[in-house]
């Protein structure tokens, strides 16, 4: 289907890929994974023909169509949402445009009439009308409602543009589908829809994602980008992590056995080589010694931040009492009389579709926190109605969705973190940064030039340093790699305090949350006390009951 042979690419002196040979077979879904900076997106662009390698070749079988999710959100600003999707099928789009141009003429000539009939025939033979209807269905599946299909792309925000561009590449139905972070800006239900769609896809799929749940549900293979190579493993992401760990453990165990054997043989040779009666045995063991080779263990480039959250002072029983809070933006009512009580040790995941008010709710809660010396209210919101009462023993630490807003001053990473605990010793601050993968000269890096993932790790460093007993986090996994997300999941699960967070990462929610707060588009909400898996079972049972009740009612 599509393969790379001896592909090599360098950026200056840095070798990104060294004679990479790998084949992607039809009918399989490959998760392209690797540490940040390993070259995942670059390798995908090489496969798509957008970047030319220094050496080697990309081979695509005759007649195979390759398409990649576009990243330029402004390229289609002057087109409607539906037309942007239809442009995914260039052949159909050209016929449609020529056909529409002919029909737009007040008077067609005889030849133009014949041409219009030819185009109609071609369009029908290609099942154009059904495919056009399918474009609308794709948009709706991705959460883009019908009334927005005639909007110009420039009327949409970035997150909604991404959905349209995703619909465009899915509509093209290529033989090889290349997806770079397709779940960005998608809510949980839309991600579930995309998983179902891709699981029914006939072609080859190669996908980059930092969503472990997503990779586990769609991938048949994992293509690991590490140490300038790409290695393919069978199975999903969880199977890959288990198998790679077992393989490493096996190598370490085998090396330990061999090292013990080498030591014993060396001792025998040293003791008896000069002994006439045993010289033959010593010679035999010396030859055996020469044949023993230790397994080569090359450490992975992956790095795991060592995250931990520890309360400096435990909170009391009363954490937060939310009473009928409402918030509107002009005529748009986002929150409508939301009420719930947070107890000590609750770990609440706030979920719901995009635009439902998750960030608004979190900002209202943060904005109501008025502890002495706290500056959190600066990025919070004032609610229109109701109140949120925080317990007197609560020490709140929070993480906004856009962490870059915190990192705008001309300061080094070391200076920025020190301001949150001026009395802490320098080694404590440096150690905290080191745990978050800022070592050596990186600690003197200006925070204004940090990447998205580095910004996330900086703000998480602040949370660890503050030692709050309650954490509020809005989409904390944004821009984070799989290793950082795994470390965050573990740290939050082990935290003894209280957590309230919004996320679309189902793996994070499943590992951390013991309570689910789902906001609905109609203004209602569900407060479910239990794990995410239990909530999924409950919602499925409720949906089944509602369906049976409706069926029973229709019979009457």
Protein backbone atom coordinates (compact mmCIF):
# COMPACT_ATOMS: atom_id res chain seq x y z
CA UNK A 1 0.00 0.00 0.00
CA UNK A 2 2.51 2.64 1.19
CA UNK A 3 6.05 2.13 2.43
CA UNK A 4 9.29 3.92 3.26
CA UNK A 5 12.60 2.52 2.09
CA UNK A 6 15.94 3.66 3.53
CA UNK A 7 14.49 7.10 4.34
CA UNK A 8 17.01 9.52 5.84
CA UNK A 9 16.40 13.12 6.91
CA UNK A 10 18.67 15.61 8.65
CA UNK A 11 18.09 19.11 9.99
CA UNK A 12 21.57 20.61 10.07
CA UNK A 13 23.69 18.25 12.14
CA UNK A 14 20.67 16.63 13.79
CA UNK A 15 19.69 13.28 12.27
CA UNK A 16 15.93 12.85 12.53
CA UNK A 17 15.63 9.61 10.53
CA UNK A 18 18.42 7.22 9.59
CA UNK A 19 17.65 4.69 6.83
CA UNK A 20 14.08 4.08 7.98
CA UNK A 21 12.39 1.15 6.24
CA UNK A 22 8.78 0.43 7.15
CA UNK A 23 5.63 -0.79 5.40
CA UNK A 24 2.00 0.12 6.15
CA UNK A 25 -0.42 -2.54 4.93
CA UNK A 26 -4.04 -2.12 3.77
CA UNK A 27 -6.87 -2.49 6.24
CA UNK A 28 -4.82 -1.66 9.33
CA UNK A 29 -4.70 1.38 11.61
CA UNK A 30 -1.24 2.47 12.77
CA UNK A 31 -0.72 4.76 15.74
CA UNK A 32 2.40 6.84 15.08
CA UNK A 33 3.85 7.56 18.50
CA UNK A 34 7.07 8.95 19.99
CA UNK A 35 8.48 11.60 22.29
CA UNK A 36 7.93 15.28 21.49
CA UNK A 37 10.56 16.25 18.92
CA UNK A 38 11.08 12.66 17.72
CA UNK A 39 9.70 13.60 14.30
CA UNK A 40 6.20 12.08 14.16
CA UNK A 41 4.59 14.93 12.22
CA UNK A 42 7.64 15.26 9.99
CA UNK A 43 7.52 11.56 9.10
CA UNK A 44 3.82 11.83 8.30
CA UNK A 45 4.53 14.78 5.99
CA UNK A 46 7.21 12.70 4.26
CA UNK A 47 4.60 9.96 3.67
CA UNK A 48 2.18 12.59 2.33
CA UNK A 49 4.81 13.99 -0.04
CA UNK A 50 4.82 17.39 1.68
CA UNK A 51 8.48 17.02 2.76
CA UNK A 52 11.20 15.40 0.67
CA UNK A 53 13.68 13.18 2.49
CA UNK A 54 17.41 13.63 1.97
CA UNK A 55 17.70 10.02 0.86
CA UNK A 56 15.51 6.98 0.34
CA UNK A 57 12.04 6.82 -1.15
CA UNK A 58 8.33 6.60 -0.38
CA UNK A 59 6.60 3.95 -2.48
CA UNK A 60 2.84 4.09 -3.06
CA UNK A 61 1.07 1.31 -4.96
CA UNK A 62 -0.37 2.23 -8.34
CA UNK A 63 -3.81 3.83 -8.10
CA UNK A 64 -3.59 4.36 -4.32
CA UNK A 65 -4.82 7.76 -3.14
CA UNK A 66 -3.15 9.33 -0.09
CA UNK A 67 -4.74 12.23 1.84
CA UNK A 68 -3.70 14.06 5.00
CA UNK A 69 -5.69 16.17 7.44
CA UNK A 70 -4.96 19.79 6.55
CA UNK A 71 -3.62 22.11 9.26
CA UNK A 72 -4.12 25.51 7.54
CA UNK A 73 -7.31 26.79 9.15
CA UNK A 74 -7.45 29.92 6.96
CA UNK A 75 -7.08 28.35 3.50
CA UNK A 76 -10.84 28.01 2.99
CA UNK A 77 -12.10 31.16 4.72
CA UNK A 78 -14.02 32.39 1.65
CA UNK A 79 -15.82 29.08 1.05
CA UNK A 80 -18.89 27.75 2.81
CA UNK A 81 -18.55 24.97 5.35
CA UNK A 82 -20.26 22.44 3.06
CA UNK A 83 -18.21 23.46 0.00
CA UNK A 84 -15.02 23.08 2.01
CA UNK A 85 -15.94 19.47 2.74
CA UNK A 86 -17.00 18.80 -0.86
CA UNK A 87 -13.58 20.02 -2.03
CA UNK A 88 -12.17 16.87 -0.44
CA UNK A 89 -13.34 15.06 -3.58
CA UNK A 90 -11.58 17.19 -6.17
CA UNK A 91 -13.00 15.23 -9.12
CA UNK A 92 -16.59 15.71 -7.97
CA UNK A 93 -15.96 19.29 -6.94
CA UNK A 94 -14.71 20.29 -10.41
CA UNK A 95 -17.74 18.71 -12.07
CA UNK A 96 -20.07 20.42 -9.58
CA UNK A 97 -18.45 23.83 -10.18
CA UNK A 98 -18.59 23.55 -13.98
CA UNK A 99 -22.18 22.30 -13.82
CA UNK A 100 -23.29 25.13 -11.52
CA UNK A 101 -21.55 27.72 -13.73
CA UNK A 102 -23.46 26.47 -16.78
CA UNK A 103 -26.81 26.43 -14.97
CA UNK A 104 -26.17 29.96 -13.69
CA UNK A 105 -26.20 31.32 -17.25
CA UNK A 106 -29.50 32.95 -18.27
CA UNK A 107 -29.31 31.30 -21.71
CA UNK A 108 -27.25 28.23 -22.48
CA UNK A 109 -26.07 27.51 -25.99
CA UNK A 110 -26.76 24.15 -27.61
CA UNK A 111 -23.18 23.00 -26.96
CA UNK A 112 -23.38 24.18 -23.35
CA UNK A 113 -26.59 22.23 -22.91
CA UNK A 114 -24.90 19.09 -24.23
CA UNK A 115 -21.95 19.72 -21.89
CA UNK A 116 -24.30 20.15 -18.92
CA UNK A 117 -25.96 16.83 -19.75
CA UNK A 118 -22.55 15.14 -19.95
CA UNK A 119 -21.61 16.56 -16.58
CA UNK A 120 -24.89 15.41 -15.06
CA UNK A 121 -24.23 11.91 -16.38
CA UNK A 122 -20.70 11.90 -14.97
CA UNK A 123 -21.95 13.23 -11.65
CA UNK A 124 -24.63 10.53 -11.49
CA UNK A 125 -22.22 7.74 -12.44
CA UNK A 126 -19.96 8.84 -9.58
CA UNK A 127 -22.95 8.74 -7.19
CA UNK A 128 -22.43 12.47 -6.69
CA UNK A 129 -25.79 13.33 -5.14
CA UNK A 130 -25.53 10.62 -2.50
CA UNK A 131 -21.94 11.62 -1.76
CA UNK A 132 -22.98 15.25 -1.39
CA UNK A 133 -25.59 14.21 1.18
CA UNK A 134 -22.86 12.17 2.89
CA UNK A 135 -20.79 15.32 3.35
CA UNK A 136 -23.58 16.81 5.44
CA UNK A 137 -23.84 13.63 7.49
CA UNK A 138 -20.11 13.74 8.20
CA UNK A 139 -20.39 17.32 9.43
CA UNK A 140 -23.29 16.44 11.70
CA UNK A 141 -21.40 13.43 13.06
CA UNK A 142 -18.56 15.78 13.96
CA UNK A 143 -20.99 18.11 15.75
CA UNK A 144 -21.29 20.78 13.04
CA UNK A 145 -25.03 21.45 12.94
CA UNK A 146 -26.98 21.79 9.69
CA UNK A 147 -27.65 25.53 10.13
CA UNK A 148 -23.89 26.15 9.99
CA UNK A 149 -23.29 24.30 6.72
CA UNK A 150 -23.92 27.46 4.67
CA UNK A 151 -21.72 29.65 6.87
CA UNK A 152 -18.44 30.94 5.50
CA UNK A 153 -15.45 29.21 7.09
CA UNK A 154 -14.19 32.57 8.36
CA UNK A 155 -17.27 32.75 10.61
CA UNK A 156 -16.09 29.70 12.57
CA UNK A 157 -13.65 29.61 15.47
CA UNK A 158 -10.46 27.57 15.15
CA UNK A 159 -11.86 24.51 16.91
CA UNK A 160 -14.85 24.29 14.56
CA UNK A 161 -12.65 24.83 11.50
CA UNK A 162 -10.63 21.78 12.54
CA UNK A 163 -13.84 19.71 12.55
CA UNK A 164 -14.69 20.85 9.03
CA UNK A 165 -11.17 20.04 7.77
CA UNK A 166 -11.47 16.63 9.41
CA UNK A 167 -14.80 16.09 7.61
CA UNK A 168 -13.06 17.14 4.37
CA UNK A 169 -10.35 14.47 4.58
CA UNK A 170 -12.84 11.80 5.70
CA UNK A 171 -15.14 12.74 2.79
CA UNK A 172 -12.25 12.18 0.35
CA UNK A 173 -12.19 8.50 1.43
CA UNK A 174 -8.54 7.99 0.42
CA UNK A 175 -6.89 4.58 0.40
CA UNK A 176 -4.33 5.90 2.89
CA UNK A 177 -5.67 8.31 5.50
CA UNK A 178 -3.11 10.39 7.42
CA UNK A 179 -4.40 12.07 10.58
CA UNK A 180 -2.26 14.36 12.76
CA UNK A 181 -3.98 14.96 16.13
CA UNK A 182 -7.56 14.52 14.80
CA UNK A 183 -9.12 14.64 18.30
CA UNK A 184 -7.89 18.17 19.08
CA UNK A 185 -10.88 20.40 19.93
CA UNK A 186 -13.29 17.45 19.88
CA UNK A 187 -15.53 16.62 22.83
CA UNK A 188 -15.99 13.11 24.19
CA UNK A 189 -19.13 12.22 22.20
CA UNK A 190 -17.56 13.41 18.95
CA UNK A 191 -14.38 11.44 19.67
CA UNK A 192 -16.58 8.36 20.23
CA UNK A 193 -18.25 9.01 16.86
CA UNK A 194 -14.86 9.35 15.16
CA UNK A 195 -13.65 6.09 16.74
CA UNK A 196 -16.70 4.26 15.34
CA UNK A 197 -16.19 5.83 11.91
CA UNK A 198 -12.50 4.92 11.72
CA UNK A 199 -13.13 1.39 12.99
CA UNK A 200 -15.37 0.90 9.95
CA UNK A 201 -12.88 2.45 7.50
CA UNK A 202 -11.62 0.12 4.77
CA UNK A 203 -8.30 1.78 3.95
CA UNK A 204 -5.00 2.22 5.74
CA UNK A 205 -5.01 4.72 8.60
CA UNK A 206 -1.90 6.31 10.11
CA UNK A 207 -2.72 8.54 13.07
CA UNK A 208 -0.79 10.71 15.52
CA UNK A 209 -2.58 11.28 18.81
CA UNK A 210 -1.85 11.99 22.46
CA UNK A 211 -5.19 10.45 23.42
CA UNK A 212 -4.44 7.01 24.85
CA UNK A 213 -8.10 5.96 24.94
CA UNK A 214 -8.47 6.89 21.25
CA UNK A 215 -5.32 4.95 20.24
CA UNK A 216 -6.46 1.91 22.20
CA UNK A 217 -9.85 1.87 20.48
CA UNK A 218 -8.78 2.30 16.85
CA UNK A 219 -5.21 1.00 16.44
CA UNK A 220 -4.32 -2.46 15.19
CA UNK A 221 -0.59 -1.57 15.21
CA UNK A 222 1.77 0.94 16.80
CA UNK A 223 4.57 2.58 14.78
CA UNK A 224 7.11 3.79 17.33
CA UNK A 225 9.33 6.72 16.32
CA UNK A 226 12.45 6.50 18.48
CA UNK A 227 16.24 6.78 18.08
CA UNK A 228 16.01 7.83 14.39
CA UNK A 229 14.02 4.69 13.49
CA UNK A 230 10.36 3.69 13.05
CA UNK A 231 9.49 0.25 14.46
CA UNK A 232 6.07 -1.35 13.98
CA UNK A 233 4.43 -3.49 16.70
CA UNK A 234 1.17 -5.43 16.55
CA UNK A 235 -1.62 -4.39 18.92
CA UNK A 236 -2.96 -1.18 20.39
CA UNK A 237 -1.13 1.32 22.62
CA UNK A 238 -1.65 -0.54 25.91
CA UNK A 239 -0.41 -3.77 24.33
CA UNK A 240 2.63 -1.90 22.98
CA UNK A 241 3.56 -0.46 26.38
CA UNK A 242 3.21 -3.85 28.06
CA UNK A 243 5.10 -5.71 25.33
CA UNK A 244 7.92 -3.17 25.13
CA UNK A 245 8.31 -3.22 28.93
CA UNK A 246 8.36 -7.03 28.96
CA UNK A 247 10.94 -7.05 26.15
CA UNK A 248 13.14 -4.60 28.07
CA UNK A 249 12.74 -6.57 31.31
CA UNK A 250 13.61 -9.75 29.44
CA UNK A 251 16.80 -8.19 28.04
CA UNK A 252 17.81 -6.89 31.47
CA UNK A 253 17.18 -10.30 33.06
CA UNK A 254 19.09 -12.11 30.30
CA UNK A 255 22.03 -9.69 30.64
CA UNK A 256 22.10 -10.24 34.41
CA UNK A 257 22.23 -14.01 33.85
CA UNK A 258 25.01 -13.64 31.28
CA UNK A 259 27.00 -11.27 33.49
CA UNK A 260 26.85 -13.81 36.32
CA UNK A 261 27.98 -16.54 33.93
CA UNK A 262 30.82 -14.33 32.62
CA UNK A 263 32.00 -13.63 36.18
CA UNK A 264 31.98 -17.35 37.03
CA UNK A 265 33.87 -18.28 33.83
CA UNK A 266 36.45 -15.52 34.34
CA UNK A 267 37.03 -16.68 37.92
CA UNK A 268 37.51 -20.29 36.77
CA UNK A 269 39.94 -19.31 33.99
CA UNK A 270 41.95 -17.04 36.31
CA UNK A 271 42.13 -19.78 38.96
CA UNK A 272 42.96 -22.83 36.83
CA UNK A 273 44.66 -21.59 33.64
CA UNK A 274 48.07 -22.33 35.18
CA UNK A 275 46.91 -25.69 36.58
CA UNK A 276 48.14 -28.48 34.32
CA UNK A 277 45.37 -30.90 35.25
CA UNK A 278 42.63 -28.36 34.56
CA UNK A 279 44.21 -26.23 31.82
CA UNK A 280 42.06 -27.91 29.16
CA UNK A 281 38.89 -27.03 31.08
CA UNK A 282 40.14 -23.45 31.55
CA UNK A 283 40.81 -23.16 27.82
CA UNK A 284 37.33 -24.51 27.03
CA UNK A 285 35.73 -21.97 29.37
CA UNK A 286 37.81 -19.15 27.88
CA UNK A 287 36.45 -20.04 24.42
CA UNK A 288 32.91 -20.13 25.82
CA UNK A 289 33.54 -16.74 27.39
CA UNK A 290 34.40 -15.26 23.98
CA UNK A 291 31.06 -16.43 22.55
CA UNK A 292 28.87 -14.77 25.19
CA UNK A 293 27.45 -11.44 24.00
CA UNK A 294 25.37 -9.09 26.12
CA UNK A 295 22.13 -7.75 24.70
CA UNK A 296 22.44 -4.15 23.50
CA UNK A 297 19.99 -1.99 25.46
CA UNK A 298 19.46 1.42 23.89
CA UNK A 299 17.47 3.69 26.22
CA UNK A 300 14.35 5.29 24.75
CA UNK A 301 14.22 9.02 24.10
CA UNK A 302 10.94 9.13 26.00
CA UNK A 303 11.00 11.08 29.24
CA UNK A 304 8.41 10.93 31.99
CA UNK A 305 7.94 13.99 34.22
CA UNK A 306 7.95 13.04 37.90
CA UNK A 307 4.72 14.71 38.94
CA UNK A 308 3.37 14.70 42.48
CA UNK A 309 0.80 16.80 44.32
CA UNK A 310 1.08 17.02 48.09
CA UNK A 311 -1.08 19.09 50.39
CA UNK A 312 0.91 21.43 52.62
CA UNK A 313 -2.13 21.58 54.88
CA UNK A 314 -5.12 19.19 54.65
CA UNK A 315 -8.54 20.74 54.15
CA UNK A 316 -11.48 20.27 56.51
CA UNK A 317 -14.81 18.69 55.70
CA UNK A 318 -16.31 21.72 53.93
CA UNK A 319 -14.83 22.26 50.46
CA UNK A 320 -17.33 23.98 48.16
CA UNK A 321 -21.07 24.65 48.09
CA UNK A 322 -22.33 25.77 44.67
CA UNK A 323 -25.80 27.33 44.87
CA UNK A 324 -27.84 28.00 41.72
CA UNK A 325 -25.14 29.78 39.73
CA UNK A 326 -26.03 31.20 36.31
CA UNK A 327 -23.97 32.95 33.68
CA UNK A 328 -24.85 34.48 30.33
CA UNK A 329 -22.94 36.20 27.53
CA UNK A 330 -25.44 38.69 26.19
CA UNK A 331 -28.54 36.73 25.17
CA UNK A 332 -26.69 33.41 25.33
CA UNK A 333 -27.36 31.68 28.65
CA UNK A 334 -24.49 29.28 29.30
CA UNK A 335 -25.04 28.18 32.89
CA UNK A 336 -28.56 27.88 34.32
CA UNK A 337 -28.91 27.43 38.08
CA UNK A 338 -26.13 24.90 38.58
CA UNK A 339 -25.98 23.49 42.13
CA UNK A 340 -23.75 20.86 43.73
CA UNK A 341 -21.66 20.27 46.85
CA UNK A 342 -18.01 19.21 46.74
CA UNK A 343 -16.76 17.02 49.58
CA UNK A 344 -13.19 16.44 50.70
CA UNK A 345 -11.54 13.81 48.49
CA UNK A 346 -13.96 14.25 45.60
CA UNK A 347 -12.34 14.03 42.18
CA UNK A 348 -14.89 15.51 39.82
CA UNK A 349 -14.60 15.41 36.03
CA UNK A 350 -16.66 18.13 34.31
CA UNK A 351 -17.66 16.84 30.88
CA UNK A 352 -20.00 17.86 28.08
CA UNK A 353 -20.00 19.03 24.44
CA UNK A 354 -17.95 22.01 23.30
CA UNK A 355 -19.67 25.31 24.05
CA UNK A 356 -21.76 23.91 26.90
CA UNK A 357 -20.02 26.03 29.57
CA UNK A 358 -17.37 23.83 31.19
CA UNK A 359 -14.70 26.55 31.13
CA UNK A 360 -17.27 29.15 32.19
CA UNK A 361 -18.22 27.05 35.22
CA UNK A 362 -14.59 26.59 36.24
CA UNK A 363 -13.84 30.30 35.82
CA UNK A 364 -16.87 31.21 37.94
CA UNK A 365 -15.70 28.89 40.72
CA UNK A 366 -12.16 30.27 40.60
CA UNK A 367 -13.48 33.84 40.47
CA UNK A 368 -15.41 33.29 43.70
CA UNK A 369 -12.32 32.16 45.66
CA UNK A 370 -11.27 35.08 47.86
CA UNK A 371 -8.58 33.70 50.18
CA UNK A 372 -6.10 36.21 51.55
CA UNK A 373 -3.19 36.80 49.17
CA UNK A 374 -4.77 34.78 46.35
CA UNK A 375 -4.62 36.22 42.84
CA UNK A 376 -6.74 33.50 41.25
CA UNK A 377 -9.77 35.76 40.84
CA UNK A 378 -7.82 37.62 38.16
CA UNK A 379 -8.52 34.92 35.58
CA UNK A 380 -11.89 33.97 37.04
CA UNK A 381 -15.38 35.19 36.12
CA UNK A 382 -18.16 36.77 38.10
CA UNK A 383 -21.38 34.78 37.97
CA UNK A 384 -24.64 36.56 37.17
CA UNK A 385 -26.67 34.76 39.82
CA UNK A 386 -26.10 32.37 42.72
CA UNK A 387 -23.00 31.86 44.78
CA UNK A 388 -20.07 29.47 45.32
CA UNK A 389 -19.02 29.20 48.97
CA UNK A 390 -15.51 27.89 49.62
CA UNK A 391 -14.56 26.26 52.93
CA UNK A 392 -12.28 28.29 55.20
CA UNK A 393 -9.53 25.62 55.18
CA UNK A 394 -9.38 25.36 51.39
CA UNK A 395 -6.09 26.30 49.74
CA UNK A 396 -6.89 26.40 46.05
CA UNK A 397 -4.42 25.89 43.22
CA UNK A 398 -5.70 26.21 39.67
CA UNK A 399 -4.64 25.69 36.08
CA UNK A 400 -6.39 27.68 33.32
CA UNK A 401 -7.01 26.27 29.85
CA UNK A 402 -4.69 28.80 28.21
CA UNK A 403 -1.60 28.55 30.40
CA UNK A 404 0.39 30.87 28.15
CA UNK A 405 -1.51 33.78 29.70
CA UNK A 406 0.56 33.16 32.84
CA UNK A 407 3.88 33.10 31.00
CA UNK A 408 4.08 36.54 29.42
CA UNK A 409 6.69 38.28 31.59
CA UNK A 410 10.37 38.55 30.62
CA UNK A 411 11.64 35.96 33.10
CA UNK A 412 13.59 32.73 33.10
CA UNK A 413 11.85 29.49 34.07
CA UNK A 414 13.76 29.59 37.37
CA UNK A 415 12.73 33.20 38.13
CA UNK A 416 9.11 32.57 37.17
CA UNK A 417 8.70 29.56 39.45
CA UNK A 418 10.58 31.14 42.37
CA UNK A 419 7.98 33.93 42.67
CA UNK A 420 5.41 31.40 43.94
CA UNK A 421 7.59 30.49 46.93
CA UNK A 422 10.25 33.20 47.47
CA UNK A 423 11.44 31.50 50.69
CA UNK A 424 12.17 28.17 49.02
CA UNK A 425 15.85 27.29 48.62
CA UNK A 426 17.28 27.49 45.12
CA UNK A 427 17.88 23.75 45.02
CA UNK A 428 14.20 23.12 45.79
CA UNK A 429 13.12 25.25 42.82
CA UNK A 430 15.74 23.70 40.54
CA UNK A 431 14.72 20.23 41.71
CA UNK A 432 11.08 20.98 40.94
CA UNK A 433 11.99 22.12 37.43
CA UNK A 434 14.22 19.08 37.00
CA UNK A 435 11.30 16.79 37.86
CA UNK A 436 9.39 18.47 35.04
CA UNK A 437 12.20 17.86 32.52
CA UNK A 438 13.75 21.35 32.68
CA UNK A 439 17.41 20.62 33.33
CA UNK A 440 20.62 22.62 33.08
CA UNK A 441 20.42 25.54 30.68
CA UNK A 442 16.69 24.94 30.09
CA UNK A 443 16.02 26.41 33.55
CA UNK A 444 17.40 29.73 32.28
CA UNK A 445 15.18 29.71 29.21
CA UNK A 446 12.81 32.69 28.86
CA UNK A 447 9.25 31.57 29.59
CA UNK A 448 7.92 33.66 26.68
CA UNK A 449 9.52 31.30 24.15
CA UNK A 450 8.41 27.99 25.68
CA UNK A 451 6.46 25.51 23.55
CA UNK A 452 2.88 24.56 24.40
CA UNK A 453 3.95 21.35 26.18
CA UNK A 454 6.68 23.18 28.11
CA UNK A 455 4.16 25.81 29.24
CA UNK A 456 1.90 23.05 30.59
CA UNK A 457 4.80 21.56 32.54
CA UNK A 458 5.77 24.97 33.94
CA UNK A 459 2.29 25.60 35.32
CA UNK A 460 2.14 22.08 36.74
CA UNK A 461 5.44 22.89 38.50
CA UNK A 462 3.68 25.86 40.09
CA UNK A 463 0.84 23.65 41.30
CA UNK A 464 3.29 21.21 42.88
CA UNK A 465 5.18 24.04 44.58
CA UNK A 466 2.02 25.69 45.96
CA UNK A 467 0.89 22.49 47.69
CA UNK A 468 -2.81 23.32 47.55
CA UNK A 469 -5.37 20.94 49.04
CA UNK A 470 -7.87 21.59 46.22
CA UNK A 471 -6.93 21.58 42.53
CA UNK A 472 -9.05 23.06 39.73
CA UNK A 473 -7.83 22.34 36.20
CA UNK A 474 -9.31 23.27 32.83
CA UNK A 475 -8.23 20.86 30.06
CA UNK A 476 -4.88 20.08 31.72
CA UNK A 477 -3.70 17.67 28.99
CA UNK A 478 -3.64 20.28 26.20
CA UNK A 479 -0.32 20.16 24.29
CA UNK A 480 0.97 17.31 26.46
CA UNK A 481 2.58 14.13 25.14
CA UNK A 482 1.48 10.64 26.16
CA UNK A 483 4.23 10.32 28.76
CA UNK A 484 3.28 13.59 30.49
CA UNK A 485 -0.42 12.69 30.43
CA UNK A 486 0.35 9.30 31.98
CA UNK A 487 2.39 10.98 34.74
CA UNK A 488 -0.39 13.52 35.37
CA UNK A 489 -3.04 10.77 35.57
CA UNK A 490 -1.00 8.88 38.16
CA UNK A 491 -0.25 12.00 40.22
CA UNK A 492 -3.91 13.10 40.33
CA UNK A 493 -5.10 9.58 41.16
CA UNK A 494 -2.64 9.42 44.09
CA UNK A 495 -3.38 12.97 45.34
CA UNK A 496 -5.08 12.86 48.76
CA UNK A 497 -6.87 16.19 48.31
CA UNK A 498 -9.81 17.30 46.15
CA UNK A 499 -9.77 17.75 42.36
CA UNK A 500 -12.22 19.35 39.94
CA UNK A 501 -11.20 19.25 36.29
CA UNK A 502 -12.62 19.47 32.79
CA UNK A 503 -11.28 17.17 30.10
CA UNK A 504 -12.08 15.30 26.89
CA UNK A 505 -9.37 12.73 27.66
CA UNK A 506 -11.32 9.60 28.59
CA UNK A 507 -8.24 7.79 29.83
CA UNK A 508 -7.48 10.60 32.30
CA UNK A 509 -11.13 10.78 33.40
CA UNK A 510 -11.30 7.01 33.83
CA UNK A 511 -8.16 6.86 35.99
CA UNK A 512 -8.82 9.92 38.18
CA UNK A 513 -12.51 10.73 38.57
CA UNK A 514 -14.75 9.29 41.28
CA UNK A 515 -17.60 11.61 40.31
CA UNK A 516 -18.91 12.90 36.95
CA UNK A 517 -20.58 16.27 36.39
CA UNK A 518 -21.98 16.39 32.84
CA UNK A 519 -23.33 19.68 31.53
CA UNK A 520 -26.05 19.46 28.87
CA UNK A 521 -26.77 21.84 25.99
CA UNK A 522 -30.33 22.40 27.27
CA UNK A 523 -28.96 23.88 30.52
CA UNK A 524 -29.55 20.80 32.66
CA UNK A 525 -26.77 18.75 34.24
CA UNK A 526 -26.13 15.30 35.69
CA UNK A 527 -24.22 14.87 38.95
CA UNK A 528 -23.20 11.20 39.08
CA UNK A 529 -21.30 9.84 42.07
CA UNK A 530 -19.16 7.06 40.66
CA UNK A 531 -16.42 6.31 38.15
CA UNK A 532 -16.54 7.17 34.46
CA UNK A 533 -17.01 3.49 33.53
CA UNK A 534 -19.99 3.29 35.90
CA UNK A 535 -21.40 6.50 34.43
CA UNK A 536 -21.12 5.10 30.90
CA UNK A 537 -23.01 1.98 32.00
CA UNK A 538 -25.66 4.10 33.70
CA UNK A 539 -26.20 6.40 30.70
CA UNK A 540 -26.45 3.39 28.36
CA UNK A 541 -29.08 1.83 30.64
CA UNK A 542 -31.00 5.12 30.84
CA UNK A 543 -30.96 5.50 27.05
CA UNK A 544 -32.23 1.93 26.67
CA UNK A 545 -35.04 2.58 29.18
CA UNK A 546 -36.04 5.78 27.39
CA UNK A 547 -36.09 3.99 24.04
CA UNK A 548 -38.26 1.17 25.40
CA UNK A 549 -40.62 3.68 27.04
CA UNK A 550 -40.98 5.60 23.76
CA UNK A 551 -41.61 2.36 21.87
CA UNK A 552 -44.21 1.30 24.42
CA UNK A 553 -45.89 4.71 24.22
CA UNK A 554 -46.11 4.61 20.42
CA UNK A 555 -47.88 1.22 20.56
CA UNK A 556 -50.57 2.66 22.83
